[in-house]
Amino acid sequence: MGQVSGCKPECCEAVKAQREDEGCEAKFPARLHHFSAECESGEGDEGDEGDEGDEGDEGDEGDVNEDAGRMSESFQAHDSEPLALSLSGASELVKVLEPDVDILRGVALSSTLTGAGRLWRYSPKTFSTQHRMALYAKSKPIDQLDMFISHTWWTPGWRKGLSLHLQSSWRIFLVSWAVFVTTSFVLCVTRVLPLPFVYEANLLAFQGVCPMGFWILASGTIGPALVSVVSLYLPSRSPVCFVDVACIHQEDKALMQRGVRGIGGFLSVSRELRVLWSPPYLSRLWCIFELAAFRTANPTGKVTLAPLFVEMAVFFIWLFLCGGNALFWLARSGEGGASIAAYVWVAVPALPGVHLLRKNYRAKHQLLADMRTFNLDSAECYCESDRRFIHSAISDWYGSTRAFTCFVQGPLREELTAPILAANLPWPYILLLITPTFSLSMETLVALLMGGAPMKYAVAWTAGMLLANNCFYVPYFVLLIIYLCDRFAQPRGLTRLSDYLQSVGIVFFFLLTTASLSTVSNFLVAAGPWTALAWLAGALVIFVLLCARRPP
């Protein structure tokens, strides 16, 4: 959430755009501290989030800053009446880290993602009173929270919604994909579903025109995405989390003030602090406070740092693979489709996909730079009394603000940069990215079976294409494109044209590499089952060796 004051808690928001269920756990050495806070409500008017077209590009910073001036936090009331949290003296200290049991509320994560993640996509100020009350009604009284979601409201909300959706629904996606692909395969080979298109096979001893469908490719691409969305509306055990706009009353000023004052209580009853990390995060003083306070309030809790650029990369690559496979299927179908020209169509979505990935990974480089140069004194806060309070609390927990700055630049940075620096993806996301190409290969396998291909060629295709290429080589190339887009994320020239040419160079190298491997695999598969099995064995050995070197 990144904003915990009753002032303009825009303090967990920022200037620019951003960043699995699995992150890295950070340990914060701290001791219990009781405090109170004082601030007055902010003055800014909340507007739409402006989540369209923001790709995390440095060139867009001015637009984001302009939009930021029109936004304010969910805690701010919809009129100008100030909220005050007293920091006046010891007699008025409030034990903010102790739960206020009467106002503790949590909301199911799935319910925050319905309506295309509307809760995340729009500033709370744009909501009507009725809508605000409906949001509050989504939350329920609780004794303990599964997670406290810390985020900045100036990070485009669709990115946060997408990241949370992928983090929470990848299991549903993979299971439903397996069901759709298996069902479509069985219905096709049993002739229940028609195969209205043709595929020209070219396997040395077997060359001919085979009937081909589109059912596996279509259902394996569209079906799981729809199921993952529909599942949000079905009864399920969804993590109960704290999201400011739903768990703190947005209409009743007294309840809002108690909610803001009781943020520490929400932290203390949370099993996990889930940080939706984007470049602005470390520039907001209240966001930093949440990181420091959570370990104090909840020593046994887990801090999960979930950079948004991870899910954004998965989303862009998945779209690229789906688009490229659909175009390849179109080019490959029909007589005369067995030509190298079919592979050229894959380049159509590759250029915009690579360019978006490069922009996405600039957020990663900014995140690393921000941690390396972190300075608590430079963090922004709109309320001076908040600043004094936070600095005082952190000094008490860590000995001094300088000690905390050194902690972030040193131990915390070292702990976090290992998974961030690695050009790896979590295994669930790698499996998710295999699905588009696996679906396409299953479509071709059906065509061979229904076209009368000898069983040995069906075995060769299964071993060499379906298993070796899709299960082992596709992950290699996914990591290759991630490495290239990460390594060359920053423009090397001064003009927009040079930036695009840089993306073209990456696409050319990537397509040349994949075309070379595809040529070898096609030849070995066409030669028969034994060469295809040898290709599979080689892929498996390389896969095991790379996994052994993969960072934990």
Protein backbone atom coordinates (compact mmCIF):
# COMPACT_ATOMS: atom_id res chain seq x y z
CA MET A 1 0.00 0.00 0.00
CA GLY A 2 2.79 2.36 0.78
CA GLN A 3 0.76 5.03 2.43
CA VAL A 4 -0.19 4.90 6.02
CA SER A 5 -0.79 8.40 7.18
CA GLY A 6 -3.91 10.41 7.42
CA CYS A 7 -2.18 13.23 5.68
CA LYS A 8 -1.98 12.94 1.98
CA PRO A 9 -0.70 9.43 2.16
CA GLU A 10 0.25 9.78 -1.42
CA CYS A 11 3.46 8.96 0.25
CA CYS A 12 3.61 5.59 -1.28
CA GLU A 13 3.14 6.81 -4.78
CA ALA A 14 5.52 7.99 -7.34
CA VAL A 15 6.64 9.38 -10.54
CA LYS A 16 6.98 6.63 -12.93
CA ALA A 17 5.98 3.17 -13.95
CA GLN A 18 7.09 -0.02 -12.66
CA ARG A 19 7.63 -3.89 -11.85
CA GLU A 20 5.03 -14.42 -8.59
CA ASP A 21 4.04 -15.54 -5.98
CA GLU A 22 7.60 -16.20 -5.05
CA GLY A 23 9.88 -13.36 -4.06
CA CYS A 24 12.69 -13.01 -1.61
CA GLU A 25 12.31 -12.78 2.13
CA ALA A 26 14.05 -9.87 3.78
CA LYS A 27 14.96 -9.84 7.44
CA PHE A 28 14.71 -6.51 9.22
CA PRO A 29 16.53 -6.25 12.54
CA ALA A 30 14.25 -4.22 14.73
CA ARG A 31 12.73 -4.03 18.17
CA LEU A 32 9.23 -3.07 19.17
CA HIS A 33 8.45 0.62 19.13
CA HIS A 34 5.27 2.49 19.98
CA PHE A 35 4.48 5.66 18.16
CA SER A 36 1.84 8.02 16.96
CA ALA A 37 1.47 10.02 13.83
CA GLU A 38 0.18 13.41 12.95
CA CYS A 39 -0.66 14.87 9.61
CA GLU A 40 -3.24 16.77 7.76
CA SER A 41 -5.08 15.70 4.70
CA GLY A 42 -3.51 16.36 1.35
CA GLU A 43 -4.80 18.81 -1.14
CA GLY A 44 -4.50 17.05 -4.46
CA ASP A 45 -7.49 16.01 -6.48
CA GLU A 46 -7.68 12.37 -7.42
CA GLY A 47 -8.06 11.55 -11.05
CA ASP A 48 -7.87 8.52 -13.20
CA GLU A 49 -4.78 6.52 -12.91
CA GLY A 50 -3.66 7.06 -16.43
CA ASP A 51 -2.62 3.49 -16.99
CA GLU A 52 -2.76 3.51 -20.74
CA GLY A 53 0.37 3.72 -22.76
CA ASP A 54 2.72 3.82 -19.78
CA GLU A 55 5.52 1.43 -20.57
CA GLY A 56 7.99 2.51 -17.98
CA ASP A 57 9.92 4.53 -20.55
CA GLU A 58 12.03 7.36 -19.26
CA GLY A 59 10.64 9.57 -21.97
CA ASP A 60 7.20 9.31 -20.41
CA GLU A 61 8.27 10.67 -17.04
CA GLY A 62 6.96 14.15 -17.65
CA ASP A 63 3.50 12.84 -18.47
CA VAL A 64 3.47 10.68 -15.38
CA ASN A 65 4.51 13.61 -13.20
CA GLU A 66 1.74 15.71 -14.67
CA ASP A 67 -0.82 13.00 -13.96
CA ALA A 68 0.61 12.51 -10.48
CA GLY A 69 -0.28 16.03 -9.52
CA ARG A 70 -3.95 15.15 -9.96
CA MET A 71 -3.92 12.06 -7.79
CA SER A 72 -4.27 11.47 -4.07
CA GLU A 73 -4.47 8.57 -1.71
CA SER A 74 -7.36 6.42 -0.78
CA PHE A 75 -7.20 7.65 2.79
CA GLN A 76 -7.99 11.23 1.88
CA ALA A 77 -11.62 12.13 2.37
CA HIS A 78 -13.57 13.44 -0.59
CA ASP A 79 -13.76 16.91 0.85
CA SER A 80 -11.13 19.18 2.32
CA GLU A 81 -11.68 18.42 6.01
CA PRO A 82 -8.33 17.48 7.51
CA LEU A 83 -7.56 14.29 9.34
CA ALA A 84 -5.20 14.68 12.28
CA LEU A 85 -3.18 12.01 14.02
CA SER A 86 -1.51 13.51 17.06
CA LEU A 87 2.23 13.31 17.57
CA SER A 88 2.19 15.96 20.24
CA GLY A 89 3.61 14.23 23.26
CA ALA A 90 4.15 11.12 25.31
CA SER A 91 0.77 11.42 26.99
CA GLU A 92 -0.95 11.11 23.63
CA LEU A 93 1.14 8.29 22.22
CA VAL A 94 -0.89 5.62 20.52
CA LYS A 95 0.45 2.11 20.30
CA VAL A 96 0.00 1.97 16.57
CA LEU A 97 1.66 -1.42 16.24
CA GLU A 98 -0.98 -2.99 18.45
CA PRO A 99 -4.10 -4.23 16.61
CA ASP A 100 -7.30 -2.25 16.93
CA VAL A 101 -9.49 -5.36 16.93
CA ASP A 102 -12.68 -3.44 16.24
CA ILE A 103 -11.51 -2.21 12.82
CA LEU A 104 -9.37 -5.12 11.60
CA ARG A 105 -10.70 -6.13 8.20
CA GLY A 106 -9.47 -8.17 5.27
CA VAL A 107 -10.59 -8.70 1.70
CA ALA A 108 -10.26 -11.81 -0.48
CA LEU A 109 -7.54 -11.23 -3.07
CA SER A 110 -9.73 -12.66 -5.84
CA SER A 111 -12.46 -10.09 -5.14
CA THR A 112 -10.00 -7.24 -5.69
CA LEU A 113 -9.29 -8.53 -9.20
CA THR A 114 -12.87 -8.78 -10.46
CA GLY A 115 -14.15 -6.24 -12.95
CA ALA A 116 -10.80 -6.37 -14.77
CA GLY A 117 -9.13 -5.22 -11.56
CA ARG A 118 -11.15 -2.03 -11.28
CA LEU A 119 -10.17 -1.63 -7.64
CA TRP A 120 -6.54 -1.29 -8.75
CA ARG A 121 -7.03 0.59 -11.99
CA TYR A 122 -8.74 3.72 -10.73
CA SER A 123 -8.03 6.30 -8.08
CA PRO A 124 -10.49 5.94 -5.18
CA LYS A 125 -11.44 9.60 -5.55
CA THR A 126 -13.18 8.79 -8.84
CA PHE A 127 -15.58 6.42 -7.08
CA SER A 128 -19.04 7.44 -5.99
CA THR A 129 -20.14 7.13 -2.38
CA GLN A 130 -22.12 4.02 -3.31
CA HIS A 131 -19.07 2.46 -4.94
CA ARG A 132 -16.87 3.29 -1.95
CA MET A 133 -19.33 1.61 0.38
CA ALA A 134 -19.49 -1.41 -1.93
CA LEU A 135 -15.71 -1.68 -1.77
CA TYR A 136 -15.76 -1.52 2.01
CA ALA A 137 -18.48 -4.19 2.07
CA LYS A 138 -16.11 -6.55 0.23
CA SER A 139 -13.89 -6.65 3.30
CA LYS A 140 -14.85 -8.62 6.41
CA PRO A 141 -13.77 -8.51 10.05
CA ILE A 142 -10.73 -10.74 10.62
CA ASP A 143 -8.32 -11.86 13.31
CA GLN A 144 -5.38 -12.46 10.98
CA LEU A 145 -4.36 -11.53 7.44
CA ASP A 146 -2.61 -13.74 4.92
CA MET A 147 -0.89 -10.73 3.40
CA PHE A 148 -0.57 -6.98 3.61
CA ILE A 149 -0.22 -5.58 0.09
CA SER A 150 2.20 -2.67 -0.05
CA HIS A 151 2.12 -0.66 -3.27
CA THR A 152 2.21 2.83 -4.72
CA TRP A 153 -0.89 4.42 -6.16
CA TRP A 154 1.12 6.21 -8.83
CA THR A 155 2.13 2.94 -10.41
CA PRO A 156 -0.38 2.14 -13.18
CA GLY A 157 -3.02 -0.04 -11.59
CA TRP A 158 -3.48 -2.45 -14.48
CA ARG A 159 0.09 -3.62 -13.91
CA LYS A 160 -0.56 -4.34 -10.25
CA GLY A 161 -3.79 -6.14 -11.09
CA LEU A 162 -2.11 -8.20 -13.80
CA SER A 163 0.79 -9.11 -11.53
CA LEU A 164 -1.47 -10.20 -8.70
CA HIS A 165 -3.63 -12.17 -11.13
CA LEU A 166 -0.63 -14.10 -12.50
CA GLN A 167 0.81 -14.65 -9.03
CA SER A 168 -2.46 -16.12 -7.77
CA SER A 169 -3.89 -17.94 -10.81
CA TRP A 170 -0.99 -19.71 -12.56
CA ARG A 171 -2.09 -23.08 -11.13
CA ILE A 172 -5.60 -22.65 -12.51
CA PHE A 173 -4.14 -21.58 -15.86
CA LEU A 174 -1.88 -24.62 -16.20
CA VAL A 175 -4.48 -27.17 -15.06
CA SER A 176 -7.17 -25.76 -17.35
CA TRP A 177 -4.70 -25.64 -20.25
CA ALA A 178 -3.92 -29.35 -19.80
CA VAL A 179 -7.66 -30.14 -19.72
CA PHE A 180 -8.42 -28.07 -22.82
CA VAL A 181 -5.52 -29.46 -24.87
CA THR A 182 -6.14 -33.08 -23.88
CA THR A 183 -9.88 -32.83 -24.54
CA SER A 184 -9.39 -31.14 -27.91
CA PHE A 185 -6.78 -33.72 -28.93
CA VAL A 186 -9.09 -36.64 -28.12
CA LEU A 187 -12.06 -35.03 -29.89
CA CYS A 188 -9.93 -34.38 -32.98
CA VAL A 189 -8.42 -37.86 -33.33
CA THR A 190 -11.84 -39.45 -32.76
CA ARG A 191 -13.26 -37.24 -35.54
CA VAL A 192 -15.79 -35.57 -33.27
CA LEU A 193 -14.37 -32.18 -34.22
CA PRO A 194 -13.87 -31.37 -37.92
CA LEU A 195 -10.42 -30.67 -39.40
CA PRO A 196 -11.24 -28.16 -42.15
CA PHE A 197 -7.69 -27.06 -43.01
CA VAL A 198 -4.70 -28.87 -44.50
CA TYR A 199 -1.09 -29.30 -43.48
CA GLU A 200 1.66 -30.23 -45.93
CA ALA A 201 3.92 -32.77 -44.22
CA ASN A 202 7.57 -32.95 -45.23
CA LEU A 203 9.23 -35.82 -43.36
CA LEU A 204 11.55 -37.32 -45.97
CA ALA A 205 9.87 -40.71 -46.48
CA PHE A 206 6.45 -39.25 -45.68
CA GLN A 207 5.26 -36.28 -47.67
CA GLY A 208 1.63 -35.51 -48.15
CA VAL A 209 -1.30 -33.26 -47.40
CA CYS A 210 -2.91 -33.93 -44.02
CA PRO A 211 -6.17 -32.60 -42.54
CA MET A 212 -5.55 -30.02 -39.83
CA GLY A 213 -7.71 -28.20 -37.32
CA PHE A 214 -7.33 -25.21 -35.06
CA TRP A 215 -9.13 -26.51 -31.98
CA ILE A 216 -6.09 -27.32 -29.85
CA LEU A 217 -4.32 -24.06 -30.60
CA ALA A 218 -7.43 -21.96 -30.02
CA SER A 219 -8.64 -23.72 -26.88
CA GLY A 220 -5.13 -23.96 -25.42
CA THR A 221 -4.64 -20.21 -25.86
CA ILE A 222 -8.02 -18.66 -25.11
CA GLY A 223 -9.51 -21.26 -22.76
CA PRO A 224 -7.07 -21.03 -19.83
CA ALA A 225 -7.11 -17.24 -19.89
CA LEU A 226 -10.91 -17.22 -19.69
CA VAL A 227 -10.98 -19.86 -16.96
CA SER A 228 -8.49 -17.89 -14.85
CA VAL A 229 -10.77 -14.84 -15.09
CA VAL A 230 -14.00 -16.75 -14.43
CA SER A 231 -12.42 -18.43 -11.40
CA LEU A 232 -12.25 -15.04 -9.69
CA TYR A 233 -16.05 -15.07 -9.41
CA LEU A 234 -16.32 -18.63 -8.07
CA PRO A 235 -16.23 -19.59 -4.38
CA SER A 236 -12.67 -20.49 -3.47
CA ARG A 237 -10.05 -20.23 -0.74
CA SER A 238 -8.46 -16.96 -1.75
CA PRO A 239 -5.79 -15.29 0.43
CA VAL A 240 -7.24 -12.68 2.75
CA CYS A 241 -5.30 -9.46 2.35
CA PHE A 242 -5.18 -5.83 3.37
CA VAL A 243 -5.88 -3.36 0.58
CA ASP A 244 -6.31 0.19 1.79
CA VAL A 245 -9.35 1.23 -0.26
CA ALA A 246 -11.36 -1.82 0.81
CA CYS A 247 -10.23 -2.28 4.41
CA ILE A 248 -10.29 1.33 5.62
CA HIS A 249 -13.60 3.17 5.56
CA GLN A 250 -13.55 5.84 2.86
CA GLU A 251 -16.66 7.79 3.93
CA ASP A 252 -16.77 7.90 7.73
CA LYS A 253 -14.04 10.31 8.88
CA ALA A 254 -13.75 8.83 12.36
CA LEU A 255 -13.39 5.27 11.04
CA MET A 256 -10.94 6.46 8.42
CA GLN A 257 -8.81 8.13 11.09
CA ARG A 258 -8.85 4.98 13.22
CA GLY A 259 -7.94 2.91 10.18
CA VAL A 260 -4.98 5.10 9.32
CA ARG A 261 -3.86 5.16 12.95
CA GLY A 262 -4.20 1.37 13.08
CA ILE A 263 -2.02 0.53 10.07
CA GLY A 264 0.56 -0.93 12.42
CA GLY A 265 -2.11 -3.25 13.77
CA PHE A 266 -2.86 -4.53 10.28
CA LEU A 267 0.87 -5.16 9.81
CA SER A 268 1.16 -7.02 13.11
CA VAL A 269 -1.58 -9.53 12.22
CA SER A 270 -0.28 -10.15 8.67
CA ARG A 271 1.63 -13.32 7.87
CA GLU A 272 3.26 -11.72 4.84
CA LEU A 273 4.12 -8.26 3.54
CA ARG A 274 3.71 -8.47 -0.24
CA VAL A 275 5.56 -5.57 -1.87
CA LEU A 276 4.42 -4.83 -5.41
CA TRP A 277 7.72 -3.22 -6.21
CA SER A 278 8.06 -0.61 -8.93
CA PRO A 279 10.74 2.07 -9.47
CA PRO A 280 8.97 4.74 -7.37
CA TYR A 281 8.74 2.51 -4.31
CA LEU A 282 11.95 3.48 -2.52
CA SER A 283 11.32 7.18 -3.11
CA ARG A 284 8.23 7.18 -0.89
CA LEU A 285 8.86 7.58 2.80
CA TRP A 286 5.73 5.72 3.92
CA CYS A 287 6.62 2.77 1.70
CA ILE A 288 10.02 2.62 3.37
CA PHE A 289 8.31 2.86 6.74
CA GLU A 290 6.16 -0.19 5.95
CA LEU A 291 9.25 -2.24 5.13
CA ALA A 292 10.91 -1.21 8.38
CA ALA A 293 7.81 -1.44 10.56
CA PHE A 294 6.58 -4.83 9.40
CA ARG A 295 9.52 -6.71 10.87
CA THR A 296 9.11 -4.75 14.09
CA ALA A 297 5.39 -5.40 14.32
CA ASN A 298 5.65 -8.98 13.07
CA PRO A 299 9.10 -10.54 13.68
CA THR A 300 8.02 -13.95 12.34
CA GLY A 301 6.33 -12.58 9.22
CA LYS A 302 7.66 -12.83 5.69
CA VAL A 303 8.51 -9.94 3.38
CA THR A 304 7.96 -10.94 -0.24
CA LEU A 305 9.36 -8.55 -2.78
CA ALA A 306 7.48 -9.06 -6.03
CA PRO A 307 8.86 -6.72 -8.72
CA LEU A 308 6.14 -5.96 -11.23
CA PHE A 309 8.53 -6.23 -14.17
CA VAL A 310 8.59 -10.03 -13.72
CA GLU A 311 4.89 -10.52 -14.48
CA MET A 312 5.03 -7.84 -17.18
CA ALA A 313 7.82 -9.79 -18.91
CA VAL A 314 5.79 -13.01 -18.71
CA PHE A 315 2.74 -11.24 -20.11
CA PHE A 316 4.64 -9.69 -23.04
CA ILE A 317 6.41 -12.96 -23.93
CA TRP A 318 3.16 -14.93 -23.72
CA LEU A 319 1.45 -12.47 -26.06
CA PHE A 320 4.40 -12.65 -28.46
CA LEU A 321 4.36 -16.46 -28.48
CA CYS A 322 0.59 -16.61 -28.96
CA GLY A 323 0.70 -14.10 -31.80
CA GLY A 324 3.72 -15.70 -33.45
CA ASN A 325 2.24 -19.20 -33.26
CA ALA A 326 -1.09 -18.04 -34.67
CA LEU A 327 0.67 -16.38 -37.62
CA PHE A 328 2.89 -19.44 -38.13
CA TRP A 329 -0.19 -21.68 -38.15
CA LEU A 330 -1.80 -19.47 -40.81
CA ALA A 331 1.35 -19.48 -42.95
CA ARG A 332 1.91 -23.22 -42.51
CA SER A 333 -1.64 -24.28 -43.35
CA GLY A 334 -2.62 -25.02 -46.92
CA GLU A 335 -0.69 -26.62 -49.75
CA GLY A 336 2.70 -25.03 -50.24
CA GLY A 337 2.88 -23.98 -46.62
CA ALA A 338 5.98 -26.09 -45.95
CA SER A 339 8.47 -23.32 -46.72
CA ILE A 340 10.92 -21.18 -44.83
CA ALA A 341 8.67 -18.19 -45.50
CA ALA A 342 6.32 -19.45 -42.80
CA TYR A 343 8.96 -18.66 -40.21
CA VAL A 344 9.20 -15.05 -41.36
CA TRP A 345 5.72 -14.39 -40.00
CA VAL A 346 6.99 -15.04 -36.49
CA ALA A 347 8.96 -11.80 -36.76
CA VAL A 348 5.77 -9.72 -37.07
CA PRO A 349 4.94 -9.68 -33.33
CA ALA A 350 8.61 -10.05 -32.37
CA LEU A 351 9.64 -6.43 -32.92
CA PRO A 352 6.96 -4.74 -30.79
CA GLY A 353 7.32 -7.54 -28.23
CA VAL A 354 11.08 -7.04 -27.88
CA HIS A 355 10.72 -3.27 -27.74
CA LEU A 356 8.18 -3.52 -24.93
CA LEU A 357 10.38 -5.99 -23.06
CA ARG A 358 13.36 -3.64 -23.26
CA LYS A 359 11.28 -0.81 -21.82
CA ASN A 360 10.00 -3.14 -19.12
CA TYR A 361 13.51 -4.09 -18.02
CA ARG A 362 14.54 -0.47 -17.68
CA ALA A 363 12.41 -0.53 -14.55
CA LYS A 364 14.64 -3.30 -13.22
CA HIS A 365 17.77 -1.25 -13.82
CA GLN A 366 16.24 1.73 -12.07
CA LEU A 367 15.26 -0.45 -9.11
CA LEU A 368 18.83 -1.70 -8.73
CA ALA A 369 20.22 1.82 -9.02
CA ASP A 370 17.75 3.10 -6.43
CA MET A 371 18.84 0.45 -3.95
CA ARG A 372 22.50 1.17 -4.59
CA THR A 373 22.05 4.92 -4.02
CA PHE A 374 19.26 4.76 -1.43
CA ASN A 375 19.16 7.68 0.98
CA LEU A 376 16.46 7.89 3.62
CA ASP A 377 16.77 11.67 3.74
CA SER A 378 15.86 11.86 0.04
CA ALA A 379 12.62 9.91 0.38
CA GLU A 380 9.57 12.08 -0.24
CA CYS A 381 6.72 12.73 2.15
CA TYR A 382 4.09 15.45 1.87
CA CYS A 383 3.68 15.92 5.62
CA GLU A 384 6.63 17.21 7.64
CA SER A 385 5.29 15.78 10.90
CA ASP A 386 5.12 12.39 9.19
CA ARG A 387 8.75 12.77 8.18
CA ARG A 388 9.83 13.56 11.74
CA PHE A 389 7.81 10.65 13.10
CA ILE A 390 9.17 8.11 10.58
CA HIS A 391 12.77 9.22 11.06
CA SER A 392 12.33 9.00 14.81
CA ALA A 393 10.85 5.50 14.64
CA ILE A 394 13.51 4.20 12.25
CA SER A 395 16.27 5.72 14.38
CA ASP A 396 14.86 3.89 17.39
CA TRP A 397 14.65 0.57 15.52
CA TYR A 398 17.99 0.69 13.74
CA GLY A 399 20.05 3.00 15.94
CA SER A 400 20.06 5.90 13.46
CA THR A 401 18.72 6.86 10.06
CA ARG A 402 22.25 6.47 8.70
CA ALA A 403 22.38 2.88 9.97
CA PHE A 404 19.10 2.12 8.21
CA THR A 405 20.40 3.67 4.98
CA CYS A 406 23.49 1.47 5.20
CA PHE A 407 21.27 -1.55 5.86
CA VAL A 408 19.26 -0.95 2.70
CA GLN A 409 22.37 -0.27 0.60
CA GLY A 410 24.17 -3.28 2.05
CA PRO A 411 22.54 -6.42 3.49
CA LEU A 412 19.07 -5.78 2.08
CA ARG A 413 20.39 -4.89 -1.36
CA GLU A 414 22.62 -7.98 -1.44
CA GLU A 415 19.71 -10.19 -0.47
CA LEU A 416 17.38 -8.75 -3.08
CA THR A 417 19.68 -8.31 -6.07
CA ALA A 418 20.50 -12.01 -6.42
CA PRO A 419 17.06 -13.02 -7.75
CA ILE A 420 16.62 -9.67 -9.50
CA LEU A 421 19.95 -9.85 -11.33
CA ALA A 422 19.44 -13.42 -12.54
CA ALA A 423 17.88 -13.68 -16.00
CA ASN A 424 15.61 -16.41 -14.70
CA LEU A 425 11.90 -16.87 -14.30
CA PRO A 426 10.17 -18.98 -11.66
CA TRP A 427 9.31 -22.46 -12.90
CA PRO A 428 5.53 -21.87 -12.94
CA TYR A 429 6.00 -18.98 -15.36
CA ILE A 430 8.34 -21.03 -17.56
CA LEU A 431 5.69 -23.76 -17.76
CA LEU A 432 3.09 -21.13 -18.61
CA LEU A 433 5.24 -19.84 -21.50
CA ILE A 434 5.63 -23.35 -22.91
CA THR A 435 1.89 -23.70 -23.45
CA PRO A 436 1.47 -21.72 -26.74
CA THR A 437 4.14 -23.63 -28.70
CA PHE A 438 3.14 -26.96 -27.16
CA SER A 439 -0.44 -26.38 -28.31
CA LEU A 440 0.76 -25.66 -31.86
CA SER A 441 2.87 -28.83 -31.94
CA MET A 442 -0.09 -30.87 -30.72
CA GLU A 443 -2.11 -29.48 -33.62
CA THR A 444 0.55 -30.71 -36.04
CA LEU A 445 0.67 -34.12 -34.35
CA VAL A 446 -3.07 -34.51 -34.89
CA ALA A 447 -2.59 -33.63 -38.57
CA LEU A 448 0.08 -36.31 -38.98
CA LEU A 449 -2.02 -38.96 -37.24
CA MET A 450 -5.15 -38.15 -39.23
CA GLY A 451 -3.19 -37.83 -42.48
CA GLY A 452 -1.99 -41.42 -42.39
CA ALA A 453 1.63 -40.81 -41.39
CA PRO A 454 3.44 -43.99 -40.30
CA MET A 455 3.57 -44.36 -36.54
CA LYS A 456 7.35 -44.01 -36.48
CA TYR A 457 7.04 -40.46 -37.81
CA ALA A 458 4.41 -39.63 -35.24
CA VAL A 459 6.84 -40.91 -32.60
CA ALA A 460 9.63 -38.83 -34.16
CA TRP A 461 7.48 -35.71 -34.07
CA THR A 462 6.46 -36.35 -30.47
CA ALA A 463 10.06 -36.88 -29.32
CA GLY A 464 11.79 -34.20 -31.38
CA MET A 465 9.23 -31.41 -31.60
CA LEU A 466 6.62 -31.89 -28.91
CA LEU A 467 9.03 -32.82 -26.11
CA ALA A 468 12.58 -31.75 -27.04
CA ASN A 469 11.78 -28.40 -28.63
CA ASN A 470 8.79 -27.34 -26.55
CA CYS A 471 9.70 -28.68 -23.13
CA PHE A 472 13.44 -28.01 -23.21
CA TYR A 473 14.53 -25.65 -26.00
CA VAL A 474 11.66 -23.16 -25.75
CA PRO A 475 12.62 -22.32 -22.13
CA TYR A 476 16.20 -21.72 -23.33
CA PHE A 477 15.01 -19.23 -25.90
CA VAL A 478 12.67 -17.55 -23.44
CA LEU A 479 15.62 -16.96 -21.13
CA LEU A 480 17.72 -15.85 -24.11
CA ILE A 481 15.25 -13.15 -25.12
CA ILE A 482 14.97 -12.03 -21.49
CA TYR A 483 18.75 -11.82 -21.22
CA LEU A 484 19.06 -9.80 -24.43
CA CYS A 485 16.26 -7.39 -23.51
CA ASP A 486 17.71 -6.98 -20.02
CA ARG A 487 21.32 -6.63 -21.21
CA PHE A 488 20.40 -4.08 -23.88
CA ALA A 489 17.47 -2.43 -22.12
CA GLN A 490 18.97 1.05 -22.17
CA PRO A 491 19.16 2.83 -25.57
CA ARG A 492 22.72 3.01 -26.87
CA GLY A 493 21.96 5.96 -29.16
CA LEU A 494 20.45 9.40 -28.72
CA THR A 495 17.50 9.12 -31.10
CA ARG A 496 14.26 7.16 -31.10
CA LEU A 497 15.32 5.59 -34.41
CA SER A 498 18.49 4.18 -32.86
CA ASP A 499 16.39 2.77 -30.03
CA TYR A 500 14.15 0.93 -32.50
CA LEU A 501 17.18 -0.26 -34.49
CA GLN A 502 18.54 -1.71 -31.27
CA SER A 503 15.34 -3.72 -30.90
CA VAL A 504 15.57 -4.79 -34.55
CA GLY A 505 19.10 -6.08 -33.93
CA ILE A 506 17.91 -8.17 -30.98
CA VAL A 507 15.03 -9.58 -33.05
CA PHE A 508 17.36 -10.43 -35.93
CA PHE A 509 19.82 -12.25 -33.66
CA PHE A 510 17.02 -14.08 -31.88
CA LEU A 511 15.33 -15.20 -35.11
CA LEU A 512 18.65 -16.27 -36.63
CA THR A 513 19.38 -18.41 -33.57
CA THR A 514 15.92 -19.96 -33.41
CA ALA A 515 15.84 -20.57 -37.18
CA SER A 516 19.17 -22.40 -37.00
CA LEU A 517 17.96 -24.65 -34.20
CA SER A 518 14.64 -25.20 -35.96
CA THR A 519 16.42 -26.27 -39.14
CA VAL A 520 18.49 -28.84 -37.25
CA SER A 521 15.50 -30.19 -35.34
CA ASN A 522 13.37 -30.43 -38.51
CA PHE A 523 16.10 -32.43 -40.24
CA LEU A 524 16.55 -34.82 -37.30
CA VAL A 525 12.81 -35.34 -36.86
CA ALA A 526 12.34 -35.90 -40.59
CA ALA A 527 15.11 -38.52 -40.55
CA GLY A 528 13.16 -40.79 -38.25
CA PRO A 529 12.48 -41.70 -34.63
CA TRP A 530 16.04 -42.62 -33.63
CA THR A 531 17.55 -39.28 -34.61
CA ALA A 532 14.60 -37.53 -32.98
CA LEU A 533 15.16 -39.50 -29.78
CA ALA A 534 18.85 -38.55 -29.89
CA TRP A 535 17.79 -34.90 -30.23
CA LEU A 536 15.53 -35.33 -27.20
CA ALA A 537 18.33 -36.95 -25.17
CA GLY A 538 20.69 -34.09 -26.00
CA ALA A 539 18.06 -31.53 -25.01
CA LEU A 540 17.49 -33.34 -21.72
CA VAL A 541 21.22 -33.40 -20.89
CA ILE A 542 21.59 -29.68 -21.61
CA PHE A 543 18.48 -28.97 -19.58
CA VAL A 544 19.83 -30.85 -16.55
CA LEU A 545 23.20 -29.09 -16.79
CA LEU A 546 21.59 -25.66 -16.99
CA CYS A 547 19.25 -26.44 -14.10
CA ALA A 548 22.25 -27.43 -11.99
CA ARG A 549 23.73 -23.97 -12.60
CA ARG A 550 20.46 -22.15 -12.07
CA PRO A 551 20.49 -19.90 -9.00
CA PRO A 552 18.15 -21.13 -6.26
